[in-house]
Amino acid sequence: MHKNRDNALRRHCVLPFGAEPGAVPALRRAVGRQLAAWDASAVTDVAQLAVTELAANVIKHVGEGTAATLVMEDEAGCLRIEMHDTSPVLPTCRQATPDQEAGRGIALVTAITDGWFCVSTAAGKAVCCEVSYSARKPDNAHNRERISRAMAFVEAYALYWRSPETHPLRSAPAVAEVATDLITDLICWLADKGYDPDDILDRAQTHFEAEQLTEA
């Protein structure tokens, strides 16, 4: 799959849309069709989820009905996603509580992609993220549910113990550090309750590997 991608010319797709909730499903379908045409269907679920979150941010923070543009670039080794809007205000990675449906957009994009960044443009700004093609398996609804649930707890943990201004979840290293602290606390709690942490971790790893085999 993706043979000779490193030698291929960069391809891109521009999809203007009105920032309305009803426009998001059509945008997701357009993403799926374009990635299929690029022989990149393995990243479709991740890309569609990222696009959904970025579009939702435009609707909520820039304004419903405003003009926006989705740009996708098929680069060597990765898919680059850019969400352009007309606001110059740059987004931040805001922590949300586990029971909140909204407020996790950028943090979720951070969790499922290989990083995000934002650039100012003549018209406003572009929020960008990248998804690597390497070792990427098709996603499914069960995976997305697990990712969303885990991210909610990581965000709540970071918000409880750390200052969002000094330790925002804006990069993969930051997410990894907070997740490591959370897992360490869970290990301490399990040991205090008389459980064998190694046994629990082994069981979790077994469940994870079994699910991956089922989805393969």
N, C-alpha and C. Protein backbone atom coordinates (compact mmCIF):
# COMPACT_ATOMS: atom_id res chain seq x y z
N MET A 1 0.84 -1.20 0.00
CA MET A 1 0.00 0.00 0.00
C MET A 1 0.88 1.24 0.00
N HIS A 2 0.41 2.30 -0.64
CA HIS A 2 1.16 3.55 -0.73
C HIS A 2 2.51 3.36 -1.40
N LYS A 3 2.56 2.50 -2.43
CA LYS A 3 3.80 2.26 -3.14
C LYS A 3 4.26 3.54 -3.83
N ASN A 4 5.57 3.77 -3.74
CA ASN A 4 6.19 4.92 -4.40
C ASN A 4 5.62 6.25 -3.92
N ARG A 5 5.04 6.27 -2.71
CA ARG A 5 4.46 7.51 -2.21
C ARG A 5 5.53 8.57 -2.00
N ASP A 6 6.72 8.14 -1.56
CA ASP A 6 7.78 9.11 -1.31
C ASP A 6 8.21 9.83 -2.58
N ASN A 7 8.01 9.17 -3.73
CA ASN A 7 8.43 9.77 -4.99
C ASN A 7 7.28 10.47 -5.71
N ALA A 8 6.10 10.37 -5.14
CA ALA A 8 4.93 10.94 -5.81
C ALA A 8 4.88 12.45 -5.61
N LEU A 9 4.25 13.14 -6.56
CA LEU A 9 4.05 14.56 -6.41
C LEU A 9 3.04 14.82 -5.30
N ARG A 10 3.22 15.91 -4.58
CA ARG A 10 2.28 16.25 -3.53
C ARG A 10 0.92 16.54 -4.14
N ARG A 11 -0.10 15.93 -3.56
CA ARG A 11 -1.47 16.16 -4.03
C ARG A 11 -2.24 16.89 -2.95
N HIS A 12 -3.18 17.72 -3.36
CA HIS A 12 -3.97 18.42 -2.36
C HIS A 12 -5.40 18.57 -2.83
N CYS A 13 -6.27 18.79 -1.86
CA CYS A 13 -7.70 18.92 -2.11
C CYS A 13 -8.21 20.10 -1.29
N VAL A 14 -9.02 20.95 -1.90
CA VAL A 14 -9.57 22.13 -1.24
C VAL A 14 -11.09 22.00 -1.20
N LEU A 15 -11.66 22.06 0.01
CA LEU A 15 -13.10 21.86 0.20
C LEU A 15 -13.69 23.04 0.98
N PRO A 16 -14.18 24.08 0.30
CA PRO A 16 -14.85 25.17 1.01
C PRO A 16 -16.21 24.69 1.53
N PHE A 17 -16.62 25.23 2.68
CA PHE A 17 -17.93 24.86 3.22
C PHE A 17 -18.40 25.95 4.17
N GLY A 18 -19.70 25.97 4.41
CA GLY A 18 -20.27 26.87 5.40
C GLY A 18 -20.27 26.18 6.75
N ALA A 19 -19.82 26.88 7.78
CA ALA A 19 -19.68 26.28 9.11
C ALA A 19 -21.05 26.09 9.76
N GLU A 20 -21.74 25.07 9.32
CA GLU A 20 -23.05 24.71 9.85
C GLU A 20 -23.00 23.25 10.31
N PRO A 21 -23.70 22.90 11.38
CA PRO A 21 -23.71 21.50 11.82
C PRO A 21 -24.14 20.54 10.72
N GLY A 22 -25.09 20.97 9.89
CA GLY A 22 -25.56 20.10 8.82
C GLY A 22 -24.55 19.86 7.73
N ALA A 23 -23.50 20.69 7.67
CA ALA A 23 -22.48 20.54 6.62
C ALA A 23 -21.42 19.52 6.99
N VAL A 24 -21.32 19.17 8.27
CA VAL A 24 -20.24 18.29 8.72
C VAL A 24 -20.35 16.87 8.15
N PRO A 25 -21.53 16.24 8.12
CA PRO A 25 -21.60 14.89 7.53
C PRO A 25 -21.15 14.86 6.07
N ALA A 26 -21.54 15.86 5.29
CA ALA A 26 -21.12 15.91 3.89
C ALA A 26 -19.61 16.11 3.79
N LEU A 27 -19.06 16.89 4.72
CA LEU A 27 -17.61 17.11 4.73
C LEU A 27 -16.88 15.80 5.04
N ARG A 28 -17.41 15.04 5.98
CA ARG A 28 -16.80 13.75 6.32
C ARG A 28 -16.84 12.81 5.12
N ARG A 29 -17.96 12.78 4.41
CA ARG A 29 -18.06 11.91 3.24
C ARG A 29 -17.08 12.33 2.15
N ALA A 30 -16.92 13.64 1.98
CA ALA A 30 -15.97 14.14 0.98
C ALA A 30 -14.55 13.73 1.34
N VAL A 31 -14.23 13.77 2.63
CA VAL A 31 -12.90 13.33 3.09
C VAL A 31 -12.69 11.86 2.75
N GLY A 32 -13.71 11.05 3.02
CA GLY A 32 -13.60 9.62 2.73
C GLY A 32 -13.39 9.34 1.26
N ARG A 33 -14.13 10.05 0.41
CA ARG A 33 -13.98 9.84 -1.04
C ARG A 33 -12.60 10.25 -1.52
N GLN A 34 -12.10 11.38 -1.00
CA GLN A 34 -10.80 11.86 -1.45
C GLN A 34 -9.68 10.92 -1.01
N LEU A 35 -9.75 10.43 0.22
CA LEU A 35 -8.71 9.53 0.70
C LEU A 35 -8.75 8.19 -0.04
N ALA A 36 -9.94 7.75 -0.41
CA ALA A 36 -10.04 6.53 -1.21
C ALA A 36 -9.38 6.74 -2.57
N ALA A 37 -9.57 7.92 -3.15
CA ALA A 37 -8.96 8.22 -4.45
C ALA A 37 -7.44 8.29 -4.34
N TRP A 38 -6.94 8.66 -3.15
CA TRP A 38 -5.50 8.74 -2.93
C TRP A 38 -4.92 7.42 -2.42
N ASP A 39 -5.73 6.37 -2.35
CA ASP A 39 -5.29 5.09 -1.81
C ASP A 39 -4.81 5.25 -0.37
N ALA A 40 -5.55 6.03 0.40
CA ALA A 40 -5.18 6.29 1.79
C ALA A 40 -6.34 6.00 2.73
N SER A 41 -7.15 5.00 2.40
CA SER A 41 -8.33 4.69 3.20
C SER A 41 -7.99 4.25 4.62
N ALA A 42 -6.77 3.79 4.85
CA ALA A 42 -6.38 3.33 6.18
C ALA A 42 -6.45 4.45 7.21
N VAL A 43 -6.37 5.70 6.78
CA VAL A 43 -6.42 6.81 7.74
C VAL A 43 -7.76 7.54 7.69
N THR A 44 -8.73 6.98 6.99
CA THR A 44 -10.01 7.68 6.81
C THR A 44 -10.70 7.97 8.14
N ASP A 45 -10.82 6.97 9.01
CA ASP A 45 -11.55 7.17 10.26
C ASP A 45 -10.88 8.24 11.13
N VAL A 46 -9.55 8.18 11.21
CA VAL A 46 -8.83 9.18 12.01
C VAL A 46 -9.00 10.56 11.39
N ALA A 47 -8.85 10.65 10.07
CA ALA A 47 -8.98 11.94 9.39
C ALA A 47 -10.39 12.51 9.55
N GLN A 48 -11.40 11.67 9.39
CA GLN A 48 -12.78 12.14 9.53
C GLN A 48 -13.06 12.63 10.94
N LEU A 49 -12.54 11.93 11.94
CA LEU A 49 -12.75 12.36 13.32
C LEU A 49 -12.05 13.69 13.57
N ALA A 50 -10.82 13.84 13.08
CA ALA A 50 -10.09 15.10 13.25
C ALA A 50 -10.82 16.25 12.55
N VAL A 51 -11.29 16.01 11.33
CA VAL A 51 -12.01 17.04 10.58
C VAL A 51 -13.30 17.42 11.31
N THR A 52 -14.00 16.44 11.85
CA THR A 52 -15.22 16.72 12.60
C THR A 52 -14.95 17.64 13.78
N GLU A 53 -13.88 17.35 14.54
CA GLU A 53 -13.55 18.17 15.70
C GLU A 53 -13.12 19.57 15.29
N LEU A 54 -12.33 19.67 14.23
CA LEU A 54 -11.87 20.99 13.77
C LEU A 54 -13.03 21.82 13.23
N ALA A 55 -13.93 21.17 12.50
CA ALA A 55 -15.10 21.89 11.98
C ALA A 55 -16.01 22.34 13.13
N ALA A 56 -16.16 21.48 14.13
CA ALA A 56 -16.98 21.83 15.30
C ALA A 56 -16.40 23.04 16.03
N ASN A 57 -15.07 23.12 16.08
CA ASN A 57 -14.43 24.27 16.71
C ASN A 57 -14.74 25.56 15.96
N VAL A 58 -14.74 25.48 14.62
CA VAL A 58 -15.07 26.67 13.83
C VAL A 58 -16.51 27.10 14.12
N ILE A 59 -17.42 26.13 14.12
CA ILE A 59 -18.84 26.44 14.35
C ILE A 59 -19.03 27.08 15.72
N LYS A 60 -18.36 26.53 16.73
CA LYS A 60 -18.57 27.00 18.10
C LYS A 60 -17.85 28.31 18.40
N HIS A 61 -16.60 28.42 17.94
CA HIS A 61 -15.76 29.54 18.37
C HIS A 61 -15.66 30.68 17.36
N VAL A 62 -15.84 30.39 16.08
CA VAL A 62 -15.80 31.45 15.07
C VAL A 62 -17.22 31.93 14.76
N GLY A 63 -18.14 30.98 14.67
CA GLY A 63 -19.53 31.37 14.46
C GLY A 63 -20.22 30.51 13.43
N GLU A 64 -21.42 30.09 13.75
CA GLU A 64 -22.19 29.27 12.83
C GLU A 64 -22.52 30.06 11.57
N GLY A 65 -22.30 29.43 10.43
CA GLY A 65 -22.59 30.07 9.16
C GLY A 65 -21.41 30.77 8.52
N THR A 66 -20.28 30.88 9.24
CA THR A 66 -19.12 31.54 8.66
C THR A 66 -18.47 30.67 7.59
N ALA A 67 -17.73 31.33 6.71
CA ALA A 67 -17.05 30.60 5.63
C ALA A 67 -15.79 29.93 6.17
N ALA A 68 -15.59 28.69 5.78
CA ALA A 68 -14.41 27.94 6.19
C ALA A 68 -13.95 27.08 5.02
N THR A 69 -12.72 26.63 5.10
CA THR A 69 -12.16 25.79 4.03
C THR A 69 -11.31 24.68 4.63
N LEU A 70 -11.59 23.47 4.20
CA LEU A 70 -10.76 22.32 4.57
C LEU A 70 -9.77 22.06 3.44
N VAL A 71 -8.50 21.98 3.80
CA VAL A 71 -7.45 21.65 2.83
C VAL A 71 -6.76 20.38 3.29
N MET A 72 -6.63 19.41 2.39
CA MET A 72 -5.89 18.19 2.70
C MET A 72 -4.74 18.05 1.71
N GLU A 73 -3.57 17.71 2.22
CA GLU A 73 -2.40 17.49 1.38
C GLU A 73 -1.86 16.09 1.61
N ASP A 74 -1.66 15.39 0.53
CA ASP A 74 -1.11 14.03 0.56
C ASP A 74 0.39 14.15 0.35
N GLU A 75 1.11 14.21 1.47
CA GLU A 75 2.56 14.38 1.41
C GLU A 75 3.25 13.04 1.57
N ALA A 76 4.56 13.04 1.39
CA ALA A 76 5.33 11.81 1.55
C ALA A 76 5.25 11.34 2.99
N GLY A 77 4.57 10.22 3.20
CA GLY A 77 4.53 9.62 4.53
C GLY A 77 3.41 10.07 5.43
N CYS A 78 2.66 11.12 5.06
CA CYS A 78 1.61 11.57 5.96
C CYS A 78 0.54 12.36 5.23
N LEU A 79 -0.59 12.47 5.89
CA LEU A 79 -1.70 13.31 5.42
C LEU A 79 -1.72 14.56 6.28
N ARG A 80 -1.73 15.71 5.63
CA ARG A 80 -1.81 16.98 6.35
C ARG A 80 -3.22 17.54 6.18
N ILE A 81 -3.83 17.92 7.30
CA ILE A 81 -5.18 18.47 7.32
C ILE A 81 -5.10 19.91 7.81
N GLU A 82 -5.72 20.83 7.07
CA GLU A 82 -5.74 22.23 7.46
C GLU A 82 -7.19 22.72 7.48
N MET A 83 -7.58 23.34 8.58
CA MET A 83 -8.91 23.93 8.68
C MET A 83 -8.76 25.44 8.72
N HIS A 84 -9.15 26.11 7.64
CA HIS A 84 -9.00 27.56 7.52
C HIS A 84 -10.31 28.25 7.91
N ASP A 85 -10.20 29.33 8.69
CA ASP A 85 -11.38 30.13 9.02
C ASP A 85 -11.01 31.60 9.02
N THR A 86 -11.97 32.45 9.31
CA THR A 86 -11.77 33.90 9.17
C THR A 86 -11.44 34.60 10.48
N SER A 87 -11.24 33.84 11.55
CA SER A 87 -10.92 34.46 12.84
C SER A 87 -9.41 34.46 13.08
N PRO A 88 -8.85 35.58 13.55
CA PRO A 88 -7.41 35.61 13.84
C PRO A 88 -7.07 35.02 15.21
N VAL A 89 -8.09 34.69 16.00
CA VAL A 89 -7.86 34.18 17.36
C VAL A 89 -7.35 32.74 17.29
N LEU A 90 -6.19 32.49 17.88
CA LEU A 90 -5.60 31.16 17.84
C LEU A 90 -6.22 30.28 18.93
N PRO A 91 -6.44 29.01 18.64
CA PRO A 91 -7.07 28.12 19.62
C PRO A 91 -6.08 27.68 20.69
N THR A 92 -6.63 27.21 21.80
CA THR A 92 -5.82 26.61 22.86
C THR A 92 -6.37 25.23 23.16
N CYS A 93 -5.54 24.43 23.80
CA CYS A 93 -5.96 23.07 24.15
C CYS A 93 -6.61 23.13 25.52
N ARG A 94 -7.94 23.24 25.55
CA ARG A 94 -8.67 23.42 26.81
C ARG A 94 -9.09 22.07 27.37
N GLN A 95 -8.82 21.88 28.68
CA GLN A 95 -9.24 20.65 29.31
C GLN A 95 -10.73 20.67 29.61
N ALA A 96 -11.39 19.52 29.42
CA ALA A 96 -12.80 19.38 29.72
C ALA A 96 -12.98 18.29 30.76
N THR A 97 -14.07 18.37 31.51
CA THR A 97 -14.34 17.34 32.49
C THR A 97 -14.88 16.10 31.79
N PRO A 98 -14.78 14.91 32.41
CA PRO A 98 -15.18 13.68 31.74
C PRO A 98 -16.63 13.65 31.29
N ASP A 99 -17.54 14.41 31.95
CA ASP A 99 -18.94 14.36 31.58
C ASP A 99 -19.32 15.40 30.53
N GLN A 100 -18.35 16.16 30.04
CA GLN A 100 -18.64 17.16 29.02
C GLN A 100 -18.50 16.56 27.63
N GLU A 101 -19.50 16.79 26.78
CA GLU A 101 -19.44 16.32 25.41
C GLU A 101 -18.56 17.23 24.57
N ALA A 102 -18.58 18.53 24.89
CA ALA A 102 -17.82 19.50 24.11
C ALA A 102 -16.60 19.95 24.89
N GLY A 103 -15.70 20.66 24.20
CA GLY A 103 -14.55 21.23 24.87
C GLY A 103 -13.29 20.41 24.75
N ARG A 104 -13.36 19.26 24.05
CA ARG A 104 -12.19 18.41 23.96
C ARG A 104 -11.62 18.38 22.55
N GLY A 105 -12.07 19.29 21.67
CA GLY A 105 -11.70 19.22 20.26
C GLY A 105 -10.22 19.13 19.98
N ILE A 106 -9.46 20.16 20.39
CA ILE A 106 -8.03 20.18 20.09
C ILE A 106 -7.30 19.08 20.84
N ALA A 107 -7.71 18.81 22.09
CA ALA A 107 -7.07 17.74 22.85
C ALA A 107 -7.29 16.39 22.18
N LEU A 108 -8.49 16.17 21.65
CA LEU A 108 -8.76 14.91 20.97
C LEU A 108 -7.96 14.82 19.67
N VAL A 109 -7.86 15.93 18.95
CA VAL A 109 -7.04 15.95 17.73
C VAL A 109 -5.59 15.61 18.08
N THR A 110 -5.10 16.15 19.20
CA THR A 110 -3.74 15.84 19.65
C THR A 110 -3.58 14.35 19.90
N ALA A 111 -4.60 13.74 20.50
CA ALA A 111 -4.51 12.34 20.88
C ALA A 111 -4.52 11.39 19.68
N ILE A 112 -5.29 11.72 18.65
CA ILE A 112 -5.47 10.76 17.55
C ILE A 112 -4.56 11.02 16.36
N THR A 113 -3.92 12.20 16.31
CA THR A 113 -3.04 12.51 15.19
C THR A 113 -1.60 12.56 15.66
N ASP A 114 -0.70 12.93 14.75
CA ASP A 114 0.72 13.02 15.09
C ASP A 114 1.14 14.43 15.45
N GLY A 115 0.19 15.24 15.90
CA GLY A 115 0.50 16.59 16.34
C GLY A 115 -0.29 17.64 15.58
N TRP A 116 -0.47 18.81 16.20
CA TRP A 116 -1.21 19.89 15.56
C TRP A 116 -0.46 21.20 15.77
N PHE A 117 -0.77 22.17 14.93
CA PHE A 117 -0.19 23.50 15.07
C PHE A 117 -1.13 24.48 14.39
N CYS A 118 -0.90 25.75 14.61
CA CYS A 118 -1.78 26.79 14.07
C CYS A 118 -0.94 27.89 13.44
N VAL A 119 -1.38 28.40 12.30
CA VAL A 119 -0.66 29.49 11.64
C VAL A 119 -1.65 30.60 11.29
N SER A 120 -1.19 31.83 11.39
CA SER A 120 -2.01 32.97 10.98
C SER A 120 -1.98 33.08 9.46
N THR A 121 -3.11 33.47 8.89
CA THR A 121 -3.21 33.64 7.44
C THR A 121 -3.75 35.04 7.15
N ALA A 122 -3.74 35.42 5.88
CA ALA A 122 -4.25 36.73 5.50
C ALA A 122 -5.73 36.86 5.83
N ALA A 123 -6.46 35.73 5.75
CA ALA A 123 -7.90 35.76 6.00
C ALA A 123 -8.25 35.50 7.46
N GLY A 124 -7.34 34.93 8.22
CA GLY A 124 -7.62 34.58 9.62
C GLY A 124 -6.57 33.64 10.17
N LYS A 125 -6.87 32.35 10.14
CA LYS A 125 -5.91 31.36 10.63
C LYS A 125 -6.19 30.01 10.00
N ALA A 126 -5.23 29.10 10.18
CA ALA A 126 -5.40 27.71 9.77
C ALA A 126 -4.93 26.83 10.91
N VAL A 127 -5.79 25.92 11.35
CA VAL A 127 -5.43 24.93 12.36
C VAL A 127 -5.09 23.65 11.62
N CYS A 128 -3.89 23.13 11.84
CA CYS A 128 -3.38 22.02 11.04
C CYS A 128 -3.02 20.83 11.92
N CYS A 129 -3.13 19.65 11.35
CA CYS A 129 -2.66 18.44 12.02
C CYS A 129 -2.16 17.47 10.96
N GLU A 130 -1.39 16.49 11.39
CA GLU A 130 -0.82 15.52 10.46
C GLU A 130 -1.10 14.11 10.95
N VAL A 131 -1.35 13.22 10.00
CA VAL A 131 -1.61 11.82 10.30
C VAL A 131 -0.63 10.98 9.49
N SER A 132 0.20 10.23 10.18
CA SER A 132 1.20 9.41 9.50
C SER A 132 0.55 8.19 8.86
N TYR A 133 1.03 7.82 7.67
CA TYR A 133 0.53 6.63 7.00
C TYR A 133 1.16 5.36 7.57
N SER A 134 2.31 5.48 8.21
CA SER A 134 3.05 4.30 8.64
C SER A 134 2.35 3.61 9.80
N ALA A 135 2.21 2.30 9.67
CA ALA A 135 1.65 1.45 10.73
C ALA A 135 0.29 1.91 11.19
N ARG A 136 -0.48 2.54 10.30
CA ARG A 136 -1.81 3.02 10.67
C ARG A 136 -2.86 2.00 10.26
N LYS A 137 -3.64 1.54 11.22
CA LYS A 137 -4.70 0.58 10.94
C LYS A 137 -6.04 1.29 10.86
N PRO A 138 -6.99 0.72 10.15
CA PRO A 138 -8.31 1.33 10.10
C PRO A 138 -8.90 1.47 11.50
N ASP A 139 -9.51 2.59 11.75
CA ASP A 139 -10.14 2.84 13.04
C ASP A 139 -11.57 2.32 13.00
N ASN A 140 -12.21 2.24 14.14
CA ASN A 140 -13.62 1.89 14.18
C ASN A 140 -14.29 2.61 15.34
N ALA A 141 -15.60 2.45 15.44
CA ALA A 141 -16.35 3.19 16.46
C ALA A 141 -15.90 2.81 17.86
N HIS A 142 -15.56 1.52 18.06
CA HIS A 142 -15.13 1.08 19.39
C HIS A 142 -13.83 1.76 19.78
N ASN A 143 -12.89 1.84 18.84
CA ASN A 143 -11.63 2.53 19.11
C ASN A 143 -11.87 4.00 19.43
N ARG A 144 -12.73 4.65 18.65
CA ARG A 144 -12.99 6.07 18.88
C ARG A 144 -13.60 6.30 20.26
N GLU A 145 -14.48 5.38 20.68
CA GLU A 145 -15.09 5.51 22.01
C GLU A 145 -14.03 5.38 23.10
N ARG A 146 -13.13 4.41 22.94
CA ARG A 146 -12.06 4.23 23.93
C ARG A 146 -11.14 5.45 23.96
N ILE A 147 -10.78 5.96 22.78
CA ILE A 147 -9.90 7.13 22.71
C ILE A 147 -10.53 8.33 23.38
N SER A 148 -11.80 8.57 23.07
CA SER A 148 -12.50 9.72 23.65
C SER A 148 -12.61 9.60 25.16
N ARG A 149 -12.93 8.38 25.64
CA ARG A 149 -13.07 8.16 27.08
C ARG A 149 -11.73 8.34 27.79
N ALA A 150 -10.67 7.77 27.21
CA ALA A 150 -9.35 7.88 27.82
C ALA A 150 -8.88 9.33 27.85
N MET A 151 -9.13 10.05 26.75
CA MET A 151 -8.69 11.44 26.69
C MET A 151 -9.41 12.29 27.72
N ALA A 152 -10.68 11.98 27.97
CA ALA A 152 -11.43 12.72 28.98
C ALA A 152 -10.79 12.58 30.35
N PHE A 153 -10.37 11.36 30.69
CA PHE A 153 -9.74 11.14 31.99
C PHE A 153 -8.36 11.77 32.06
N VAL A 154 -7.60 11.70 30.96
CA VAL A 154 -6.28 12.33 30.95
C VAL A 154 -6.42 13.84 31.13
N GLU A 155 -7.39 14.43 30.43
CA GLU A 155 -7.60 15.88 30.56
C GLU A 155 -8.03 16.26 31.97
N ALA A 156 -8.96 15.48 32.55
CA ALA A 156 -9.42 15.77 33.90
C ALA A 156 -8.27 15.65 34.90
N TYR A 157 -7.42 14.64 34.70
CA TYR A 157 -6.26 14.45 35.58
C TYR A 157 -5.30 15.63 35.46
N ALA A 158 -5.03 16.05 34.22
CA ALA A 158 -4.12 17.18 34.00
C ALA A 158 -4.69 18.46 34.61
N LEU A 159 -6.00 18.64 34.47
CA LEU A 159 -6.64 19.84 35.00
C LEU A 159 -6.59 19.86 36.53
N TYR A 160 -6.71 18.68 37.15
CA TYR A 160 -6.73 18.58 38.61
C TYR A 160 -5.35 18.83 39.22
N TRP A 161 -4.31 18.28 38.57
CA TRP A 161 -2.98 18.33 39.17
C TRP A 161 -2.06 19.37 38.57
N ARG A 162 -2.39 19.86 37.37
CA ARG A 162 -1.47 20.76 36.68
C ARG A 162 -2.20 22.01 36.22
N SER A 163 -1.43 23.06 36.00
CA SER A 163 -2.01 24.29 35.45
C SER A 163 -2.07 24.17 33.93
N PRO A 164 -3.24 24.35 33.30
CA PRO A 164 -3.33 24.27 31.85
C PRO A 164 -2.42 25.27 31.14
N GLU A 165 -2.14 26.42 31.80
CA GLU A 165 -1.28 27.42 31.17
C GLU A 165 0.17 26.96 31.14
N THR A 166 0.62 26.26 32.19
CA THR A 166 2.01 25.85 32.25
C THR A 166 2.23 24.45 31.71
N HIS A 167 1.17 23.67 31.59
CA HIS A 167 1.34 22.31 31.09
C HIS A 167 0.15 21.93 30.20
N PRO A 168 -0.06 22.62 29.08
CA PRO A 168 -1.19 22.29 28.22
C PRO A 168 -0.94 21.01 27.45
N LEU A 169 -2.03 20.32 27.10
CA LEU A 169 -1.91 19.09 26.32
C LEU A 169 -1.87 19.45 24.84
N ARG A 170 -0.80 20.08 24.40
CA ARG A 170 -0.72 20.55 23.03
C ARG A 170 0.26 19.75 22.18
N SER A 171 0.89 18.75 22.77
CA SER A 171 1.85 17.97 22.00
C SER A 171 1.84 16.53 22.48
N ALA A 172 2.36 15.65 21.64
CA ALA A 172 2.42 14.24 22.01
C ALA A 172 3.25 14.02 23.27
N PRO A 173 4.43 14.68 23.44
CA PRO A 173 5.19 14.49 24.69
C PRO A 173 4.41 14.91 25.93
N ALA A 174 3.64 16.00 25.83
CA ALA A 174 2.86 16.46 26.99
C ALA A 174 1.79 15.44 27.34
N VAL A 175 1.10 14.92 26.34
CA VAL A 175 0.08 13.90 26.58
C VAL A 175 0.72 12.66 27.19
N ALA A 176 1.87 12.24 26.65
CA ALA A 176 2.55 11.05 27.16
C ALA A 176 2.97 11.23 28.62
N GLU A 177 3.44 12.42 28.96
CA GLU A 177 3.89 12.68 30.34
C GLU A 177 2.73 12.60 31.32
N VAL A 178 1.61 13.24 30.96
CA VAL A 178 0.44 13.22 31.84
C VAL A 178 -0.12 11.80 31.94
N ALA A 179 -0.18 11.09 30.81
CA ALA A 179 -0.69 9.71 30.83
C ALA A 179 0.19 8.82 31.70
N THR A 180 1.51 9.04 31.64
CA THR A 180 2.43 8.26 32.47
C THR A 180 2.18 8.51 33.95
N ASP A 181 1.98 9.78 34.31
CA ASP A 181 1.68 10.11 35.70
C ASP A 181 0.38 9.45 36.15
N LEU A 182 -0.63 9.47 35.28
CA LEU A 182 -1.91 8.87 35.61
C LEU A 182 -1.77 7.37 35.83
N ILE A 183 -1.05 6.70 34.93
CA ILE A 183 -0.85 5.25 35.07
C ILE A 183 -0.07 4.93 36.34
N THR A 184 0.93 5.77 36.66
CA THR A 184 1.71 5.56 37.89
C THR A 184 0.82 5.66 39.12
N ASP A 185 -0.07 6.65 39.13
CA ASP A 185 -1.00 6.79 40.25
C ASP A 185 -1.93 5.59 40.35
N LEU A 186 -2.39 5.08 39.20
CA LEU A 186 -3.25 3.89 39.21
C LEU A 186 -2.51 2.68 39.77
N ILE A 187 -1.23 2.55 39.41
CA ILE A 187 -0.43 1.44 39.93
C ILE A 187 -0.31 1.54 41.45
N CYS A 188 -0.05 2.75 41.94
CA CYS A 188 0.05 2.95 43.40
C CYS A 188 -1.27 2.62 44.09
N TRP A 189 -2.37 3.04 43.47
CA TRP A 189 -3.69 2.78 44.05
C TRP A 189 -4.00 1.28 44.07
N LEU A 190 -3.67 0.58 42.98
CA LEU A 190 -3.90 -0.86 42.91
C LEU A 190 -3.09 -1.59 43.98
N ALA A 191 -1.82 -1.20 44.12
CA ALA A 191 -0.97 -1.84 45.12
C ALA A 191 -1.50 -1.59 46.53
N ASP A 192 -1.99 -0.38 46.78
CA ASP A 192 -2.53 -0.04 48.09
C ASP A 192 -3.78 -0.86 48.41
N LYS A 193 -4.54 -1.23 47.36
CA LYS A 193 -5.76 -2.02 47.55
C LYS A 193 -5.49 -3.52 47.57
N GLY A 194 -4.22 -3.89 47.45
CA GLY A 194 -3.87 -5.30 47.54
C GLY A 194 -3.83 -6.04 46.22
N TYR A 195 -3.97 -5.33 45.11
CA TYR A 195 -3.90 -5.97 43.80
C TYR A 195 -2.45 -6.04 43.32
N ASP A 196 -2.20 -6.95 42.40
CA ASP A 196 -0.88 -7.04 41.77
C ASP A 196 -0.89 -6.16 40.53
N PRO A 197 -0.20 -5.01 40.55
CA PRO A 197 -0.22 -4.12 39.38
C PRO A 197 0.25 -4.79 38.10
N ASP A 198 1.26 -5.66 38.20
CA ASP A 198 1.75 -6.34 37.00
C ASP A 198 0.66 -7.21 36.38
N ASP A 199 -0.12 -7.85 37.23
CA ASP A 199 -1.21 -8.70 36.73
C ASP A 199 -2.26 -7.86 36.01
N ILE A 200 -2.61 -6.71 36.59
CA ILE A 200 -3.60 -5.83 35.96
C ILE A 200 -3.08 -5.30 34.64
N LEU A 201 -1.81 -4.89 34.61
CA LEU A 201 -1.23 -4.37 33.37
C LEU A 201 -1.16 -5.45 32.30
N ASP A 202 -0.83 -6.68 32.70
CA ASP A 202 -0.79 -7.79 31.75
C ASP A 202 -2.18 -8.05 31.17
N ARG A 203 -3.19 -8.00 32.04
CA ARG A 203 -4.56 -8.22 31.57
C ARG A 203 -4.99 -7.13 30.60
N ALA A 204 -4.63 -5.89 30.91
CA ALA A 204 -4.97 -4.77 30.02
C ALA A 204 -4.28 -4.93 28.67
N GLN A 205 -3.00 -5.32 28.70
CA GLN A 205 -2.27 -5.53 27.45
C GLN A 205 -2.88 -6.66 26.63
N THR A 206 -3.31 -7.72 27.32
CA THR A 206 -3.94 -8.85 26.64
C THR A 206 -5.24 -8.42 25.97
N HIS A 207 -6.05 -7.63 26.69
CA HIS A 207 -7.29 -7.13 26.11
C HIS A 207 -7.02 -6.27 24.88
N PHE A 208 -6.02 -5.40 25.00
CA PHE A 208 -5.67 -4.51 23.88
C PHE A 208 -5.24 -5.32 22.66
N GLU A 209 -4.36 -6.29 22.86
CA GLU A 209 -3.86 -7.09 21.74
C GLU A 209 -4.98 -7.92 21.11
N ALA A 210 -5.89 -8.43 21.95
CA ALA A 210 -7.00 -9.22 21.42
C ALA A 210 -7.91 -8.36 20.55
N GLU A 211 -8.16 -7.13 20.98
CA GLU A 211 -9.01 -6.23 20.19
C GLU A 211 -8.33 -5.85 18.88
N GLN A 212 -7.01 -5.66 18.92
CA GLN A 212 -6.30 -5.33 17.69
C GLN A 212 -6.35 -6.47 16.69
N LEU A 213 -6.24 -7.70 17.18
CA LEU A 213 -6.33 -8.86 16.29
C LEU A 213 -7.72 -8.99 15.69
N THR A 214 -8.74 -8.68 16.50
CA THR A 214 -10.11 -8.77 16.02
C THR A 214 -10.38 -7.74 14.93
N GLU A 215 -9.76 -6.55 15.07
CA GLU A 215 -9.99 -5.47 14.12
C GLU A 215 -9.15 -5.59 12.87
N ALA A 216 -8.07 -6.39 12.94
CA ALA A 216 -7.14 -6.48 11.80
C ALA A 216 -7.81 -7.15 10.60
